[in-house]
Amino acid sequence: MKGNAVWDGAIAAGLFETKPMDQVKPGLDLVKKLATEKITKNQKNVDARKTFGLKADGTPKGLRNPYESP
């Protein structure tokens, strides 16, 4: 939660202004569209991460999918 504390402090200090997403045009629909395009475009890299690297015993050690929660 350290990141949240830093972000909240920066907002309180007036370094950033925030608005609810429903008050921003084009809003959340555009964010979702861009995120979906990024995930689709990077799918081959996500697939390659599954087999990247080796464990000490020589078995594959896949890297996590950056688009899924750990």
PDB file of N, CA and C in Angstrom:
ATOM      1  N   MET A   1       0.806  -1.201   0.000  1.00  0.00           N
ATOM      2  CA  MET A   1       0.000   0.000   0.000  1.00  0.00           C
ATOM      3  C   MET A   1       0.850   1.268   0.000  1.00  0.00           C
ATOM      4  N   LYS A   2       2.150   1.093  -0.051  1.00  0.00           N
ATOM      5  CA  LYS A   2       3.025   2.258  -0.062  1.00  0.00           C
ATOM      6  C   LYS A   2       2.753   3.149  -1.281  1.00  0.00           C
ATOM      7  N   GLY A   3       2.505   2.516  -2.424  1.00  0.00           N
ATOM      8  CA  GLY A   3       2.223   3.281  -3.635  1.00  0.00           C
ATOM      9  C   GLY A   3       0.975   4.131  -3.499  1.00  0.00           C
ATOM     10  N   ASN A   4      -0.057   3.575  -2.856  1.00  0.00           N
ATOM     11  CA  ASN A   4      -1.284   4.343  -2.644  1.00  0.00           C
ATOM     12  C   ASN A   4      -1.029   5.552  -1.760  1.00  0.00           C
ATOM     13  N   ALA A   5      -0.198   5.379  -0.734  1.00  0.00           N
ATOM     14  CA  ALA A   5       0.105   6.495   0.167  1.00  0.00           C
ATOM     15  C   ALA A   5       0.855   7.597  -0.580  1.00  0.00           C
ATOM     16  N   VAL A   6       1.785   7.210  -1.446  1.00  0.00           N
ATOM     17  CA  VAL A   6       2.533   8.192  -2.241  1.00  0.00           C
ATOM     18  C   VAL A   6       1.585   8.925  -3.188  1.00  0.00           C
ATOM     19  N   TRP A   7       0.714   8.159  -3.867  1.00  0.00           N
ATOM     20  CA  TRP A   7      -0.238   8.763  -4.802  1.00  0.00           C
ATOM     21  C   TRP A   7      -1.183   9.715  -4.080  1.00  0.00           C
ATOM     22  N   ASP A   8      -1.733   9.270  -2.950  1.00  0.00           N
ATOM     23  CA  ASP A   8      -2.651  10.126  -2.183  1.00  0.00           C
ATOM     24  C   ASP A   8      -1.955  11.396  -1.702  1.00  0.00           C
ATOM     25  N   GLY A   9      -0.686  11.277  -1.307  1.00  0.00           N
ATOM     26  CA  GLY A   9       0.080  12.449  -0.879  1.00  0.00           C
ATOM     27  C   GLY A   9       0.309  13.426  -2.017  1.00  0.00           C
ATOM     28  N   ALA A  10       0.588  12.887  -3.209  1.00  0.00           N
ATOM     29  CA  ALA A  10       0.807  13.752  -4.369  1.00  0.00           C
ATOM     30  C   ALA A  10      -0.476  14.492  -4.745  1.00  0.00           C
ATOM     31  N   ILE A  11      -1.603  13.824  -4.656  1.00  0.00           N
ATOM     32  CA  ILE A  11      -2.887  14.480  -4.949  1.00  0.00           C
ATOM     33  C   ILE A  11      -3.170  15.553  -3.910  1.00  0.00           C
ATOM     34  N   ALA A  12      -2.945  15.224  -2.631  1.00  0.00           N
ATOM     35  CA  ALA A  12      -3.183  16.193  -1.557  1.00  0.00           C
ATOM     36  C   ALA A  12      -2.283  17.418  -1.705  1.00  0.00           C
ATOM     37  N   ALA A  13      -1.071  17.228  -2.232  1.00  0.00           N
ATOM     38  CA  ALA A  13      -0.139  18.339  -2.418  1.00  0.00           C
ATOM     39  C   ALA A  13      -0.456  19.161  -3.665  1.00  0.00           C
ATOM     40  N   GLY A  14      -1.452  18.723  -4.426  1.00  0.00           N
ATOM     41  CA  GLY A  14      -1.843  19.475  -5.616  1.00  0.00           C
ATOM     42  C   GLY A  14      -0.995  19.175  -6.837  1.00  0.00           C
ATOM     43  N   LEU A  15      -0.230  18.080  -6.821  1.00  0.00           N
ATOM     44  CA  LEU A  15       0.611  17.734  -7.961  1.00  0.00           C
ATOM     45  C   LEU A  15      -0.190  17.123  -9.105  1.00  0.00           C
ATOM     46  N   PHE A  16      -1.313  16.501  -8.775  1.00  0.00           N
ATOM     47  CA  PHE A  16      -2.183  15.885  -9.773  1.00  0.00           C
ATOM     48  C   PHE A  16      -3.626  16.242  -9.478  1.00  0.00           C
ATOM     49  N   GLU A  17      -4.414  16.300 -10.512  1.00  0.00           N
ATOM     50  CA  GLU A  17      -5.861  16.464 -10.367  1.00  0.00           C
ATOM     51  C   GLU A  17      -6.511  15.179 -10.849  1.00  0.00           C
ATOM     52  N   THR A  18      -7.554  14.743 -10.170  1.00  0.00           N
ATOM     53  CA  THR A  18      -8.259  13.534 -10.585  1.00  0.00           C
ATOM     54  C   THR A  18      -9.736  13.835 -10.754  1.00  0.00           C
ATOM     55  N   LYS A  19     -10.384  13.025 -11.591  1.00  0.00           N
ATOM     56  CA  LYS A  19     -11.820  13.112 -11.812  1.00  0.00           C
ATOM     57  C   LYS A  19     -12.357  11.688 -11.872  1.00  0.00           C
ATOM     58  N   PRO A  20     -13.603  11.502 -11.498  1.00  0.00           N
ATOM     59  CA  PRO A  20     -14.220  10.190 -11.698  1.00  0.00           C
ATOM     60  C   PRO A  20     -14.262   9.870 -13.195  1.00  0.00           C
ATOM     61  N   MET A  21     -14.100   8.589 -13.554  1.00  0.00           N
ATOM     62  CA  MET A  21     -14.077   8.198 -14.966  1.00  0.00           C
ATOM     63  C   MET A  21     -15.351   8.570 -15.700  1.00  0.00           C
ATOM     64  N   ASP A  22     -16.488   8.603 -14.999  1.00  0.00           N
ATOM     65  CA  ASP A  22     -17.734   8.929 -15.700  1.00  0.00           C
ATOM     66  C   ASP A  22     -17.828  10.403 -16.084  1.00  0.00           C
ATOM     67  N   GLN A  23     -16.913  11.230 -15.585  1.00  0.00           N
ATOM     68  CA  GLN A  23     -16.886  12.645 -15.942  1.00  0.00           C
ATOM     69  C   GLN A  23     -15.852  12.948 -17.035  1.00  0.00           C
ATOM     70  N   VAL A  24     -15.146  11.931 -17.488  1.00  0.00           N
ATOM     71  CA  VAL A  24     -14.085  12.102 -18.487  1.00  0.00           C
ATOM     72  C   VAL A  24     -14.577  11.549 -19.820  1.00  0.00           C
ATOM     73  N   LYS A  25     -14.390  12.319 -20.871  1.00  0.00           N
ATOM     74  CA  LYS A  25     -14.763  11.864 -22.205  1.00  0.00           C
ATOM     75  C   LYS A  25     -13.498  11.560 -22.977  1.00  0.00           C
ATOM     76  N   PRO A  26     -13.341  10.472 -23.670  1.00  0.00           N
ATOM     77  CA  PRO A  26     -14.295   9.422 -23.943  1.00  0.00           C
ATOM     78  C   PRO A  26     -14.452   8.398 -22.826  1.00  0.00           C
ATOM     79  N   GLY A  27     -13.674   8.457 -21.781  1.00  0.00           N
ATOM     80  CA  GLY A  27     -13.930   7.680 -20.585  1.00  0.00           C
ATOM     81  C   GLY A  27     -13.465   6.237 -20.605  1.00  0.00           C
ATOM     82  N   LEU A  28     -14.115   5.446 -19.767  1.00  0.00           N
ATOM     83  CA  LEU A  28     -13.711   4.071 -19.512  1.00  0.00           C
ATOM     84  C   LEU A  28     -13.806   3.189 -20.746  1.00  0.00           C
ATOM     85  N   ASP A  29     -14.752   3.448 -21.625  1.00  0.00           N
ATOM     86  CA  ASP A  29     -14.869   2.625 -22.834  1.00  0.00           C
ATOM     87  C   ASP A  29     -13.600   2.684 -23.671  1.00  0.00           C
ATOM     88  N   LEU A  30     -13.000   3.856 -23.794  1.00  0.00           N
ATOM     89  CA  LEU A  30     -11.758   3.982 -24.552  1.00  0.00           C
ATOM     90  C   LEU A  30     -10.615   3.266 -23.841  1.00  0.00           C
ATOM     91  N   VAL A  31     -10.538   3.376 -22.539  1.00  0.00           N
ATOM     92  CA  VAL A  31      -9.488   2.697 -21.780  1.00  0.00           C
ATOM     93  C   VAL A  31      -9.594   1.185 -21.981  1.00  0.00           C
ATOM     94  N   LYS A  32     -10.813   0.656 -21.907  1.00  0.00           N
ATOM     95  CA  LYS A  32     -11.015  -0.783 -22.117  1.00  0.00           C
ATOM     96  C   LYS A  32     -10.629  -1.192 -23.534  1.00  0.00           C
ATOM     97  N   LYS A  33     -10.991  -0.375 -24.523  1.00  0.00           N
ATOM     98  CA  LYS A  33     -10.657  -0.684 -25.911  1.00  0.00           C
ATOM     99  C   LYS A  33      -9.148  -0.728 -26.110  1.00  0.00           C
ATOM    100  N   LEU A  34      -8.437   0.259 -25.589  1.00  0.00           N
ATOM    101  CA  LEU A  34      -6.986   0.300 -25.728  1.00  0.00           C
ATOM    102  C   LEU A  34      -6.315  -0.868 -25.011  1.00  0.00           C
ATOM    103  N   ALA A  35      -6.822  -1.216 -23.830  1.00  0.00           N
ATOM    104  CA  ALA A  35      -6.259  -2.338 -23.079  1.00  0.00           C
ATOM    105  C   ALA A  35      -6.447  -3.648 -23.835  1.00  0.00           C
ATOM    106  N   THR A  36      -7.622  -3.838 -24.399  1.00  0.00           N
ATOM    107  CA  THR A  36      -7.898  -5.055 -25.163  1.00  0.00           C
ATOM    108  C   THR A  36      -6.987  -5.146 -26.377  1.00  0.00           C
ATOM    109  N   GLU A  37      -6.794  -4.037 -27.075  1.00  0.00           N
ATOM    110  CA  GLU A  37      -5.897  -4.017 -28.236  1.00  0.00           C
ATOM    111  C   GLU A  37      -4.471  -4.360 -27.825  1.00  0.00           C
ATOM    112  N   LYS A  38      -4.024  -3.828 -26.704  1.00  0.00           N
ATOM    113  CA  LYS A  38      -2.663  -4.095 -26.241  1.00  0.00           C
ATOM    114  C   LYS A  38      -2.482  -5.571 -25.909  1.00  0.00           C
ATOM    115  N   ILE A  39      -3.438  -6.138 -25.193  1.00  0.00           N
ATOM    116  CA  ILE A  39      -3.353  -7.549 -24.821  1.00  0.00           C
ATOM    117  C   ILE A  39      -3.339  -8.430 -26.073  1.00  0.00           C
ATOM    118  N   THR A  40      -4.212  -8.135 -27.017  1.00  0.00           N
ATOM    119  CA  THR A  40      -4.275  -8.914 -28.249  1.00  0.00           C
ATOM    120  C   THR A  40      -2.971  -8.810 -29.024  1.00  0.00           C
ATOM    121  N   LYS A  41      -2.448  -7.605 -29.138  1.00  0.00           N
ATOM    122  CA  LYS A  41      -1.210  -7.376 -29.881  1.00  0.00           C
ATOM    123  C   LYS A  41      -0.020  -8.089 -29.238  1.00  0.00           C
ATOM    124  N   ASN A  42      -0.005  -8.187 -27.917  1.00  0.00           N
ATOM    125  CA  ASN A  42       1.130  -8.776 -27.209  1.00  0.00           C
ATOM    126  C   ASN A  42       0.940 -10.252 -26.860  1.00  0.00           C
ATOM    127  N   GLN A  43      -0.083 -10.896 -27.400  1.00  0.00           N
ATOM    128  CA  GLN A  43      -0.371 -12.281 -27.025  1.00  0.00           C
ATOM    129  C   GLN A  43       0.800 -13.217 -27.328  1.00  0.00           C
ATOM    130  N   LYS A  44       1.514 -13.007 -28.433  1.00  0.00           N
ATOM    131  CA  LYS A  44       2.634 -13.908 -28.741  1.00  0.00           C
ATOM    132  C   LYS A  44       3.728 -13.777 -27.686  1.00  0.00           C
ATOM    133  N   ASN A  45       3.934 -12.576 -27.147  1.00  0.00           N
ATOM    134  CA  ASN A  45       4.919 -12.404 -26.079  1.00  0.00           C
ATOM    135  C   ASN A  45       4.451 -13.073 -24.794  1.00  0.00           C
ATOM    136  N   VAL A  46       3.165 -12.994 -24.507  1.00  0.00           N
ATOM    137  CA  VAL A  46       2.614 -13.651 -23.321  1.00  0.00           C
ATOM    138  C   VAL A  46       2.814 -15.157 -23.448  1.00  0.00           C
ATOM    139  N   ASP A  47       2.545 -15.706 -24.632  1.00  0.00           N
ATOM    140  CA  ASP A  47       2.727 -17.140 -24.855  1.00  0.00           C
ATOM    141  C   ASP A  47       4.193 -17.538 -24.713  1.00  0.00           C
ATOM    142  N   ALA A  48       5.104 -16.714 -25.192  1.00  0.00           N
ATOM    143  CA  ALA A  48       6.537 -17.020 -25.088  1.00  0.00           C
ATOM    144  C   ALA A  48       7.007 -17.001 -23.642  1.00  0.00           C
ATOM    145  N   ARG A  49       6.413 -16.164 -22.810  1.00  0.00           N
ATOM    146  CA  ARG A  49       6.809 -16.079 -21.397  1.00  0.00           C
ATOM    147  C   ARG A  49       6.521 -17.367 -20.639  1.00  0.00           C
ATOM    148  N   LYS A  50       5.554 -18.154 -21.122  1.00  0.00           N
ATOM    149  CA  LYS A  50       5.180 -19.386 -20.434  1.00  0.00           C
ATOM    150  C   LYS A  50       6.333 -20.383 -20.380  1.00  0.00           C
ATOM    151  N   THR A  51       7.239 -20.318 -21.330  1.00  0.00           N
ATOM    152  CA  THR A  51       8.334 -21.283 -21.395  1.00  0.00           C
ATOM    153  C   THR A  51       9.705 -20.626 -21.223  1.00  0.00           C
ATOM    154  N   PHE A  52       9.739 -19.397 -20.801  1.00  0.00           N
ATOM    155  CA  PHE A  52      10.997 -18.668 -20.674  1.00  0.00           C
ATOM    156  C   PHE A  52      11.755 -19.123 -19.431  1.00  0.00           C
ATOM    157  N   GLY A  53      13.039 -19.420 -19.580  1.00  0.00           N
ATOM    158  CA  GLY A  53      13.891 -19.748 -18.441  1.00  0.00           C
ATOM    159  C   GLY A  53      13.757 -21.192 -17.980  1.00  0.00           C
ATOM    160  N   LEU A  54      14.680 -21.597 -17.104  1.00  0.00           N
ATOM    161  CA  LEU A  54      14.692 -22.949 -16.561  1.00  0.00           C
ATOM    162  C   LEU A  54      14.865 -22.905 -15.058  1.00  0.00           C
ATOM    163  N   LYS A  55      14.249 -23.862 -14.364  1.00  0.00           N
ATOM    164  CA  LYS A  55      14.472 -24.033 -12.931  1.00  0.00           C
ATOM    165  C   LYS A  55      15.809 -24.743 -12.734  1.00  0.00           C
ATOM    166  N   ALA A  56      16.272 -24.846 -11.492  1.00  0.00           N
ATOM    167  CA  ALA A  56      17.549 -25.496 -11.196  1.00  0.00           C
ATOM    168  C   ALA A  56      17.567 -26.944 -11.678  1.00  0.00           C
ATOM    169  N   ASP A  57      16.427 -27.614 -11.658  1.00  0.00           N
ATOM    170  CA  ASP A  57      16.385 -29.021 -12.090  1.00  0.00           C
ATOM    171  C   ASP A  57      16.214 -29.164 -13.604  1.00  0.00           C
ATOM    172  N   GLY A  58      16.228 -28.058 -14.341  1.00  0.00           N
ATOM    173  CA  GLY A  58      16.152 -28.098 -15.797  1.00  0.00           C
ATOM    174  C   GLY A  58      14.754 -28.019 -16.360  1.00  0.00           C
ATOM    175  N   THR A  59      13.729 -27.997 -15.517  1.00  0.00           N
ATOM    176  CA  THR A  59      12.360 -27.879 -16.013  1.00  0.00           C
ATOM    177  C   THR A  59      12.039 -26.418 -16.310  1.00  0.00           C
ATOM    178  N   PRO A  60      11.119 -26.185 -17.244  1.00  0.00           N
ATOM    179  CA  PRO A  60      10.782 -24.793 -17.592  1.00  0.00           C
ATOM    180  C   PRO A  60      10.219 -24.009 -16.408  1.00  0.00           C
ATOM    181  N   LYS A  61      10.597 -22.768 -16.329  1.00  0.00           N
ATOM    182  CA  LYS A  61      10.081 -21.853 -15.311  1.00  0.00           C
ATOM    183  C   LYS A  61       9.394 -20.725 -16.059  1.00  0.00           C
ATOM    184  N   GLY A  62       8.114 -20.831 -16.241  1.00  0.00           N
ATOM    185  CA  GLY A  62       7.384 -19.805 -16.975  1.00  0.00           C
ATOM    186  C   GLY A  62       7.276 -18.516 -16.183  1.00  0.00           C
ATOM    187  N   LEU A  63       7.368 -17.404 -16.887  1.00  0.00           N
ATOM    188  CA  LEU A  63       7.158 -16.107 -16.264  1.00  0.00           C
ATOM    189  C   LEU A  63       5.664 -15.852 -16.160  1.00  0.00           C
ATOM    190  N   ARG A  64       5.285 -15.027 -15.216  1.00  0.00           N
ATOM    191  CA  ARG A  64       3.869 -14.756 -15.015  1.00  0.00           C
ATOM    192  C   ARG A  64       3.287 -13.985 -16.193  1.00  0.00           C
ATOM    193  N   ASN A  65       1.997 -14.133 -16.377  1.00  0.00           N
ATOM    194  CA  ASN A  65       1.265 -13.392 -17.400  1.00  0.00           C
ATOM    195  C   ASN A  65       1.036 -11.980 -16.841  1.00  0.00           C
ATOM    196  N   PRO A  66       1.569 -10.947 -17.465  1.00  0.00           N
ATOM    197  CA  PRO A  66       1.432  -9.596 -16.929  1.00  0.00           C
ATOM    198  C   PRO A  66      -0.011  -9.062 -16.964  1.00  0.00           C
ATOM    199  N   TYR A  67      -0.897  -9.764 -17.662  1.00  0.00           N
ATOM    200  CA  TYR A  67      -2.275  -9.303 -17.766  1.00  0.00           C
ATOM    201  C   TYR A  67      -3.198 -10.025 -16.804  1.00  0.00           C
ATOM    202  N   GLU A  68      -2.625 -10.870 -15.928  1.00  0.00           N
ATOM    203  CA  GLU A  68      -3.418 -11.569 -14.911  1.00  0.00           C
ATOM    204  C   GLU A  68      -2.890 -11.179 -13.543  1.00  0.00           C
ATOM    205  N   SER A  69      -3.751 -11.199 -12.549  1.00  0.00           N
ATOM    206  CA  SER A  69      -3.321 -10.902 -11.180  1.00  0.00           C
ATOM    207  C   SER A  69      -2.435 -12.025 -10.659  1.00  0.00           C
ATOM    208  N   PRO A  70      -1.398 -11.681  -9.890  1.00  0.00           N
ATOM    209  CA  PRO A  70      -0.504 -12.722  -9.370  1.00  0.00           C
ATOM    210  C   PRO A  70      -1.193 -13.659  -8.404  1.00  0.00           C
TER     211      PRO A  70
END
